[in-house]
Amino acid sequence: MADDNEKVVAEFEKGATEIVRASIKAYKRKTNIDLRIYYMDEQSGEWRPTKKGVYLPTDYMPELKRAIEALEAGLKEMESQE
C-alpha cells in the first residue's frame, strides 16, 4: 500500500505473486522515481517492496526515458532478426 509520500503511477504483474510498481516518492524534500518489484505478503494480504528495483532522483528522468526508448528499439531490432 502506498503511503502519503508516494504516488503510484503504474504497475503490472510480473508473475502470480509479484508486481512491478512505478511510483514517485518524496523523501527529505526531494522527489524520486522508484521502479520496484513487490511481493504479496500472505499474512497481511498487502504488497510489500523487495530490494529488487531502481530508485533515482527525478533529475535522471531524461536518461531513464532514453534508456527505455533504447530498450524498445533494441527489442524491435532483435524481433525483426528472428
Protein backbone atom coordinates (compact mmCIF):
# COMPACT_ATOMS: atom_id res chain seq x y z
CA MET A 1 0.00 0.00 0.00
CA ALA A 2 1.29 3.45 -0.92
CA ASP A 3 1.92 5.99 1.81
CA ASP A 4 1.25 9.74 1.77
CA ASN A 5 4.69 10.47 0.30
CA GLU A 6 4.19 8.09 -2.63
CA LYS A 7 2.19 8.36 -5.83
CA VAL A 8 1.86 5.08 -7.72
CA VAL A 9 1.66 5.87 -11.44
CA ALA A 10 1.72 2.35 -12.91
CA GLU A 11 2.01 -1.29 -12.01
CA PHE A 12 1.88 -4.61 -13.81
CA GLU A 13 2.09 -8.29 -12.94
CA LYS A 14 5.49 -9.94 -13.05
CA GLY A 15 4.08 -13.31 -12.07
CA ALA A 16 1.46 -14.89 -9.87
CA THR A 17 2.95 -13.45 -6.68
CA GLU A 18 4.86 -10.36 -7.85
CA ILE A 19 4.17 -6.98 -9.42
CA VAL A 20 6.37 -4.20 -10.77
CA ARG A 21 5.35 -0.82 -9.44
CA ALA A 22 6.40 2.58 -10.81
CA SER A 23 5.98 5.37 -8.31
CA ILE A 24 7.07 8.88 -7.43
CA LYS A 25 8.25 9.34 -3.86
CA ALA A 26 9.05 12.39 -1.77
CA TYR A 27 11.89 11.95 0.71
CA LYS A 28 13.78 14.66 2.58
CA ARG A 29 12.31 17.39 0.36
CA LYS A 30 13.48 15.60 -2.82
CA THR A 31 11.35 13.82 -5.38
CA ASN A 32 12.48 10.42 -6.61
CA ILE A 33 11.45 7.76 -9.12
CA ASP A 34 11.04 4.22 -7.80
CA LEU A 35 10.71 1.17 -10.09
CA ARG A 36 10.44 -1.82 -7.77
CA ILE A 37 9.30 -5.42 -7.57
CA TYR A 38 6.71 -6.08 -4.86
CA TYR A 39 5.55 -9.41 -3.44
CA MET A 40 2.27 -10.36 -1.80
CA ASP A 41 2.65 -10.80 1.96
CA GLU A 42 0.39 -13.77 2.69
CA GLN A 43 -0.12 -12.84 6.34
CA SER A 44 -1.22 -9.23 5.82
CA GLY A 45 -2.55 -9.58 2.27
CA GLU A 46 -0.62 -6.44 1.26
CA TRP A 47 2.01 -5.83 -1.39
CA ARG A 48 5.48 -5.39 0.15
CA PRO A 49 8.58 -3.97 -1.59
CA THR A 50 11.64 -6.07 -2.32
CA LYS A 51 15.24 -4.89 -2.62
CA LYS A 52 14.96 -5.50 -6.37
CA GLY A 53 14.45 -2.17 -8.05
CA VAL A 54 15.80 1.20 -9.08
CA TYR A 55 15.47 4.38 -7.01
CA LEU A 56 16.61 7.57 -8.76
CA PRO A 57 16.29 11.31 -8.28
CA THR A 58 13.90 12.83 -10.82
CA ASP A 59 16.94 14.57 -12.37
CA TYR A 60 17.62 11.23 -14.08
CA MET A 61 14.22 11.07 -15.81
CA PRO A 62 15.59 12.14 -19.25
CA GLU A 63 18.30 9.44 -19.09
CA LEU A 64 15.81 6.83 -17.91
CA LYS A 65 13.45 7.73 -20.75
CA ARG A 66 16.28 7.43 -23.30
CA ALA A 67 17.27 4.05 -21.83
CA ILE A 68 13.70 2.74 -22.14
CA GLU A 69 13.48 4.02 -25.73
CA ALA A 70 16.81 2.29 -26.48
CA LEU A 71 15.46 -0.93 -24.98
CA GLU A 72 12.36 -0.69 -27.19
CA ALA A 73 14.48 -0.11 -30.28
CA GLY A 74 16.80 -2.99 -29.36
CA LEU A 75 13.85 -5.34 -28.85
CA LYS A 76 12.33 -4.39 -32.20
CA GLU A 77 15.67 -4.98 -33.90
CA MET A 78 16.08 -8.40 -32.26
CA GLU A 79 12.49 -9.39 -33.13
CA SER A 80 12.95 -8.40 -36.77
CA GLN A 81 16.00 -10.68 -36.99
CA GLU A 82 14.07 -13.74 -35.79
